[in-house]
N, C-alpha and C. Protein backbone atom coordinates (compact mmCIF):
# COMPACT_ATOMS: atom_id res chain seq x y z
N UNK A 1 4.36 -10.99 -10.00
CA UNK A 1 3.97 -10.36 -11.24
C UNK A 1 3.39 -8.98 -10.94
N UNK A 2 3.39 -8.15 -11.98
CA UNK A 2 2.89 -6.79 -11.83
C UNK A 2 1.38 -6.83 -11.57
N UNK A 3 0.96 -6.12 -10.54
CA UNK A 3 -0.47 -5.97 -10.25
C UNK A 3 -0.78 -4.51 -9.97
N UNK A 4 -1.87 -4.06 -10.54
CA UNK A 4 -2.38 -2.71 -10.32
C UNK A 4 -3.84 -2.84 -9.93
N UNK A 5 -4.20 -2.31 -8.78
CA UNK A 5 -5.56 -2.46 -8.28
C UNK A 5 -6.14 -1.07 -7.98
N UNK A 6 -7.14 -0.70 -8.79
CA UNK A 6 -7.77 0.59 -8.62
C UNK A 6 -8.92 0.52 -7.62
N UNK A 7 -9.19 1.65 -6.99
CA UNK A 7 -10.34 1.77 -6.10
C UNK A 7 -10.75 3.24 -6.04
N UNK A 8 -11.94 3.46 -5.48
CA UNK A 8 -12.39 4.83 -5.25
C UNK A 8 -13.43 5.35 -6.21
N UNK A 9 -13.79 4.57 -7.21
CA UNK A 9 -14.82 5.02 -8.14
C UNK A 9 -16.19 5.00 -7.49
N UNK A 10 -17.17 5.51 -8.24
CA UNK A 10 -18.53 5.52 -7.73
C UNK A 10 -19.40 6.50 -8.47
N UNK A 11 -20.57 6.74 -7.89
CA UNK A 11 -21.53 7.69 -8.46
C UNK A 11 -21.40 9.02 -7.73
N UNK A 12 -21.28 10.09 -8.48
CA UNK A 12 -21.13 11.42 -7.89
C UNK A 12 -21.94 12.41 -8.71
N UNK A 13 -22.44 13.43 -8.06
CA UNK A 13 -23.21 14.46 -8.76
C UNK A 13 -22.28 15.42 -9.50
N UNK A 14 -22.79 16.03 -10.55
CA UNK A 14 -21.97 17.05 -11.24
C UNK A 14 -21.47 18.11 -10.27
N UNK A 15 -20.21 18.47 -10.44
CA UNK A 15 -19.59 19.42 -9.52
C UNK A 15 -18.91 18.77 -8.34
N UNK A 16 -19.13 17.49 -8.17
CA UNK A 16 -18.56 16.78 -7.04
C UNK A 16 -17.12 16.34 -7.27
N UNK A 17 -16.60 15.61 -6.28
CA UNK A 17 -15.20 15.18 -6.30
C UNK A 17 -15.11 13.70 -5.96
N UNK A 18 -14.06 13.08 -6.47
CA UNK A 18 -13.69 11.72 -6.12
C UNK A 18 -12.18 11.63 -6.11
N UNK A 19 -11.66 10.70 -5.30
CA UNK A 19 -10.24 10.40 -5.35
C UNK A 19 -10.06 8.92 -5.65
N UNK A 20 -9.40 8.66 -6.75
CA UNK A 20 -9.08 7.29 -7.13
C UNK A 20 -7.70 6.92 -6.59
N UNK A 21 -7.57 5.65 -6.24
CA UNK A 21 -6.28 5.12 -5.80
C UNK A 21 -5.92 3.91 -6.65
N UNK A 22 -4.63 3.72 -6.82
CA UNK A 22 -4.12 2.54 -7.54
C UNK A 22 -2.97 1.97 -6.72
N UNK A 23 -3.19 0.81 -6.14
CA UNK A 23 -2.16 0.14 -5.37
C UNK A 23 -1.38 -0.79 -6.28
N UNK A 24 -0.07 -0.64 -6.28
CA UNK A 24 0.79 -1.39 -7.19
C UNK A 24 1.66 -2.40 -6.44
N UNK A 25 1.99 -3.48 -7.11
CA UNK A 25 2.88 -4.48 -6.54
C UNK A 25 3.55 -5.24 -7.67
N UNK A 26 4.64 -5.94 -7.32
CA UNK A 26 5.30 -6.79 -8.30
C UNK A 26 6.41 -6.12 -9.09
N UNK A 27 6.69 -4.87 -8.77
CA UNK A 27 7.79 -4.17 -9.44
C UNK A 27 8.29 -3.06 -8.52
N UNK A 28 9.44 -2.50 -8.86
CA UNK A 28 10.01 -1.42 -8.04
C UNK A 28 9.30 -0.13 -8.39
N UNK A 29 8.29 0.17 -7.59
CA UNK A 29 7.34 1.25 -7.88
C UNK A 29 8.04 2.57 -8.14
N UNK A 30 9.03 2.90 -7.34
CA UNK A 30 9.64 4.22 -7.40
C UNK A 30 10.44 4.45 -8.68
N UNK A 31 10.68 3.42 -9.45
CA UNK A 31 11.50 3.55 -10.64
C UNK A 31 10.70 3.85 -11.90
N UNK A 32 9.38 3.82 -11.80
CA UNK A 32 8.58 3.91 -13.02
C UNK A 32 7.51 5.01 -12.95
N UNK A 33 7.30 5.63 -14.11
CA UNK A 33 6.18 6.54 -14.23
C UNK A 33 4.86 5.79 -14.24
N UNK A 34 3.81 6.44 -13.80
CA UNK A 34 2.48 5.85 -13.75
C UNK A 34 1.49 6.79 -14.44
N UNK A 35 0.42 6.19 -14.93
CA UNK A 35 -0.58 6.99 -15.64
C UNK A 35 -1.98 6.54 -15.27
N UNK A 36 -2.91 7.45 -15.48
CA UNK A 36 -4.34 7.14 -15.43
C UNK A 36 -4.92 7.33 -16.83
N UNK A 37 -5.70 6.36 -17.25
CA UNK A 37 -6.43 6.43 -18.49
C UNK A 37 -7.92 6.28 -18.17
N UNK A 38 -8.75 6.61 -19.14
CA UNK A 38 -10.18 6.36 -18.98
C UNK A 38 -10.78 5.95 -20.32
N UNK A 39 -11.87 5.22 -20.21
CA UNK A 39 -12.59 4.80 -21.41
C UNK A 39 -14.08 4.93 -21.18
N UNK A 40 -14.69 5.80 -21.96
CA UNK A 40 -16.13 5.99 -21.90
C UNK A 40 -16.81 5.03 -22.88
N UNK A 41 -18.07 4.72 -22.66
CA UNK A 41 -18.78 3.81 -23.58
C UNK A 41 -18.72 4.29 -25.02
N UNK A 42 -18.31 3.41 -25.92
CA UNK A 42 -18.26 3.74 -27.33
C UNK A 42 -17.07 4.59 -27.75
N UNK A 43 -16.17 4.84 -26.81
CA UNK A 43 -15.02 5.68 -27.13
C UNK A 43 -13.73 4.92 -26.87
N UNK A 44 -12.65 5.43 -27.47
CA UNK A 44 -11.35 4.82 -27.25
C UNK A 44 -10.79 5.21 -25.87
N UNK A 45 -9.92 4.37 -25.37
CA UNK A 45 -9.25 4.68 -24.12
C UNK A 45 -8.33 5.88 -24.33
N UNK A 46 -8.37 6.82 -23.38
CA UNK A 46 -7.58 8.03 -23.51
C UNK A 46 -6.75 8.28 -22.26
N UNK A 47 -5.59 8.89 -22.48
CA UNK A 47 -4.73 9.25 -21.37
C UNK A 47 -5.30 10.45 -20.63
N UNK A 48 -5.40 10.33 -19.33
CA UNK A 48 -5.92 11.41 -18.50
C UNK A 48 -4.79 12.18 -17.83
N UNK A 49 -3.87 11.46 -17.21
CA UNK A 49 -2.79 12.11 -16.48
C UNK A 49 -1.64 11.13 -16.30
N UNK A 50 -0.43 11.67 -16.17
CA UNK A 50 0.73 10.84 -15.93
C UNK A 50 1.66 11.56 -14.96
N UNK A 51 2.50 10.76 -14.29
CA UNK A 51 3.44 11.32 -13.34
C UNK A 51 4.73 10.54 -13.44
N UNK A 52 5.86 11.24 -13.41
CA UNK A 52 7.14 10.58 -13.53
C UNK A 52 7.54 9.93 -12.20
N UNK A 53 8.66 9.20 -12.24
CA UNK A 53 8.98 8.32 -11.12
C UNK A 53 9.52 9.05 -9.90
N UNK A 54 10.56 9.86 -10.08
CA UNK A 54 11.20 10.44 -8.90
C UNK A 54 11.07 11.95 -8.80
N UNK A 55 10.99 12.64 -9.93
CA UNK A 55 10.83 14.10 -9.85
C UNK A 55 9.37 14.52 -9.91
N UNK A 56 8.47 13.55 -10.02
CA UNK A 56 7.03 13.77 -9.86
C UNK A 56 6.49 14.82 -10.83
N UNK A 57 7.02 14.86 -12.02
CA UNK A 57 6.49 15.77 -13.04
C UNK A 57 5.20 15.18 -13.58
N UNK A 58 4.16 16.00 -13.64
CA UNK A 58 2.86 15.51 -14.09
C UNK A 58 2.43 16.18 -15.39
N UNK A 59 1.61 15.46 -16.12
CA UNK A 59 1.02 15.97 -17.35
C UNK A 59 -0.45 15.57 -17.39
N UNK A 60 -1.25 16.40 -18.05
CA UNK A 60 -2.68 16.18 -18.05
C UNK A 60 -3.28 16.37 -19.44
N UNK A 61 -4.34 15.64 -19.69
CA UNK A 61 -5.14 15.91 -20.88
C UNK A 61 -5.77 17.29 -20.73
N UNK A 62 -5.95 17.97 -21.84
CA UNK A 62 -6.49 19.33 -21.78
C UNK A 62 -7.90 19.35 -21.16
N UNK A 63 -8.62 18.25 -21.33
CA UNK A 63 -10.00 18.20 -20.83
C UNK A 63 -10.09 18.14 -19.31
N UNK A 64 -9.00 17.79 -18.64
CA UNK A 64 -9.04 17.66 -17.18
C UNK A 64 -8.09 18.63 -16.49
N UNK A 65 -7.27 19.34 -17.24
CA UNK A 65 -6.28 20.23 -16.63
C UNK A 65 -6.97 21.28 -15.77
N UNK A 66 -6.47 21.45 -14.58
CA UNK A 66 -7.06 22.40 -13.65
C UNK A 66 -8.13 21.81 -12.75
N UNK A 67 -8.60 20.60 -13.10
CA UNK A 67 -9.63 19.94 -12.29
C UNK A 67 -9.11 18.66 -11.63
N UNK A 68 -8.21 17.95 -12.32
CA UNK A 68 -7.67 16.69 -11.80
C UNK A 68 -6.23 16.89 -11.36
N UNK A 69 -5.84 16.13 -10.35
CA UNK A 69 -4.47 16.14 -9.88
C UNK A 69 -3.98 14.72 -9.67
N UNK A 70 -2.89 14.38 -10.31
CA UNK A 70 -2.27 13.07 -10.10
C UNK A 70 -1.15 13.22 -9.09
N UNK A 71 -1.03 12.23 -8.22
CA UNK A 71 0.04 12.25 -7.22
C UNK A 71 0.44 10.80 -6.93
N UNK A 72 1.55 10.65 -6.24
CA UNK A 72 2.00 9.32 -5.90
C UNK A 72 2.68 9.33 -4.55
N UNK A 73 2.62 8.19 -3.88
CA UNK A 73 3.29 7.97 -2.62
C UNK A 73 4.19 6.75 -2.80
N UNK A 74 5.46 6.99 -3.02
CA UNK A 74 6.37 5.87 -3.29
C UNK A 74 6.55 4.97 -2.08
N UNK A 75 6.29 5.49 -0.89
CA UNK A 75 6.39 4.66 0.32
C UNK A 75 5.23 3.68 0.42
N UNK A 76 4.10 4.04 -0.20
CA UNK A 76 2.91 3.18 -0.15
C UNK A 76 2.65 2.47 -1.47
N UNK A 77 3.53 2.67 -2.45
CA UNK A 77 3.35 2.05 -3.77
C UNK A 77 1.96 2.35 -4.34
N UNK A 78 1.56 3.59 -4.21
CA UNK A 78 0.21 3.97 -4.61
C UNK A 78 0.24 5.27 -5.42
N UNK A 79 -0.58 5.30 -6.45
CA UNK A 79 -0.77 6.52 -7.24
C UNK A 79 -2.23 6.93 -7.11
N UNK A 80 -2.45 8.22 -7.08
CA UNK A 80 -3.79 8.75 -6.85
C UNK A 80 -4.23 9.65 -8.00
N UNK A 81 -5.53 9.80 -8.11
CA UNK A 81 -6.08 10.79 -9.04
C UNK A 81 -7.20 11.51 -8.31
N UNK A 82 -6.93 12.75 -7.94
CA UNK A 82 -7.95 13.59 -7.32
C UNK A 82 -8.73 14.28 -8.43
N UNK A 83 -10.04 14.09 -8.43
CA UNK A 83 -10.89 14.63 -9.48
C UNK A 83 -11.91 15.58 -8.87
N UNK A 84 -11.83 16.83 -9.28
CA UNK A 84 -12.74 17.86 -8.78
C UNK A 84 -13.59 18.42 -9.93
N UNK A 85 -14.65 19.09 -9.57
CA UNK A 85 -15.54 19.73 -10.55
C UNK A 85 -15.94 18.76 -11.66
N UNK A 86 -16.37 17.59 -11.24
CA UNK A 86 -16.69 16.54 -12.20
C UNK A 86 -17.93 16.91 -13.02
N UNK A 87 -17.90 16.49 -14.27
CA UNK A 87 -19.02 16.70 -15.18
C UNK A 87 -19.45 15.35 -15.75
N UNK A 88 -20.64 15.27 -16.34
CA UNK A 88 -21.07 13.99 -16.93
C UNK A 88 -20.10 13.48 -17.99
N UNK A 89 -19.36 14.37 -18.63
CA UNK A 89 -18.38 13.95 -19.64
C UNK A 89 -17.20 13.20 -19.03
N UNK A 90 -17.05 13.24 -17.72
CA UNK A 90 -15.99 12.49 -17.04
C UNK A 90 -16.41 11.05 -16.75
N UNK A 91 -17.64 10.72 -17.03
CA UNK A 91 -18.12 9.35 -16.80
C UNK A 91 -17.34 8.36 -17.67
N UNK A 92 -16.74 7.38 -17.03
CA UNK A 92 -15.90 6.41 -17.74
C UNK A 92 -15.40 5.38 -16.75
N UNK A 93 -14.78 4.34 -17.29
CA UNK A 93 -13.99 3.43 -16.47
C UNK A 93 -12.57 3.98 -16.46
N UNK A 94 -12.02 4.12 -15.28
CA UNK A 94 -10.68 4.69 -15.11
C UNK A 94 -9.70 3.56 -14.82
N UNK A 95 -8.58 3.59 -15.54
CA UNK A 95 -7.58 2.55 -15.44
C UNK A 95 -6.23 3.12 -15.03
N UNK A 96 -5.55 2.39 -14.19
CA UNK A 96 -4.18 2.69 -13.82
C UNK A 96 -3.26 1.96 -14.81
N UNK A 97 -2.16 2.60 -15.16
CA UNK A 97 -1.25 2.04 -16.16
C UNK A 97 0.20 2.21 -15.74
N UNK A 98 0.97 1.15 -15.98
CA UNK A 98 2.42 1.21 -15.81
C UNK A 98 3.06 0.62 -17.07
N UNK A 99 4.09 1.30 -17.56
CA UNK A 99 4.81 0.82 -18.74
C UNK A 99 6.16 0.32 -18.27
N UNK A 100 6.33 -0.99 -18.29
CA UNK A 100 7.51 -1.61 -17.70
C UNK A 100 8.07 -2.62 -18.69
N UNK A 101 9.36 -2.48 -19.00
CA UNK A 101 9.99 -3.48 -19.86
C UNK A 101 9.30 -3.62 -21.21
N UNK A 102 8.97 -2.48 -21.82
CA UNK A 102 8.34 -2.45 -23.14
C UNK A 102 6.95 -3.07 -23.15
N UNK A 103 6.31 -3.10 -22.01
CA UNK A 103 4.98 -3.69 -21.94
C UNK A 103 4.08 -2.81 -21.09
N UNK A 104 2.84 -2.67 -21.53
CA UNK A 104 1.83 -1.95 -20.76
C UNK A 104 1.12 -2.89 -19.80
N UNK A 105 1.01 -2.45 -18.56
CA UNK A 105 0.25 -3.17 -17.56
C UNK A 105 -0.94 -2.32 -17.13
N UNK A 106 -2.08 -2.99 -16.95
CA UNK A 106 -3.32 -2.30 -16.62
C UNK A 106 -3.97 -2.91 -15.39
N UNK A 107 -4.67 -2.06 -14.65
CA UNK A 107 -5.52 -2.58 -13.60
C UNK A 107 -6.85 -3.01 -14.19
N UNK A 108 -7.76 -3.42 -13.31
CA UNK A 108 -9.07 -3.89 -13.76
C UNK A 108 -10.04 -2.76 -14.05
N UNK A 109 -9.70 -1.58 -13.60
CA UNK A 109 -10.53 -0.41 -13.82
C UNK A 109 -11.51 -0.15 -12.69
N UNK A 110 -11.89 1.10 -12.55
CA UNK A 110 -12.90 1.49 -11.58
C UNK A 110 -13.88 2.45 -12.26
N UNK A 111 -15.17 2.19 -12.07
CA UNK A 111 -16.20 2.97 -12.76
C UNK A 111 -16.43 4.29 -12.04
N UNK A 112 -16.43 5.36 -12.81
CA UNK A 112 -16.82 6.68 -12.31
C UNK A 112 -18.04 7.13 -13.11
N UNK A 113 -19.11 7.43 -12.40
CA UNK A 113 -20.33 7.90 -13.04
C UNK A 113 -20.71 9.24 -12.45
N UNK A 114 -20.84 10.23 -13.31
CA UNK A 114 -21.20 11.57 -12.87
C UNK A 114 -22.62 11.85 -13.39
N UNK A 115 -23.54 11.92 -12.47
CA UNK A 115 -24.94 12.08 -12.86
C UNK A 115 -25.74 12.65 -11.70
N UNK A 116 -26.75 13.42 -12.04
CA UNK A 116 -27.65 13.94 -11.02
C UNK A 116 -28.84 13.02 -10.85
């Protein structure tokens, strides 16, 4: 079955950086686009970044453009989210997402807290 396992979250000071990883299994990773979403307390889940399967075209929410970078390693079945210049507004649970066979699959999420 499809599994997505996020890691790399934690507590970081404003201006700092984190790299999130999402290890995928249970499907042909290289055939599907992957995305990162986040959900802050009291807010709806929002799309942060996405990357296509083979041509690696990426898209970003305007709030993170220029600060976050999504990438993938098809040999390792892993998608990454490099987050730089973090602000308290980036505090949220970050989720990995794959849309396969008309169904959304989600990881368990990883908490990112930006605070001094």
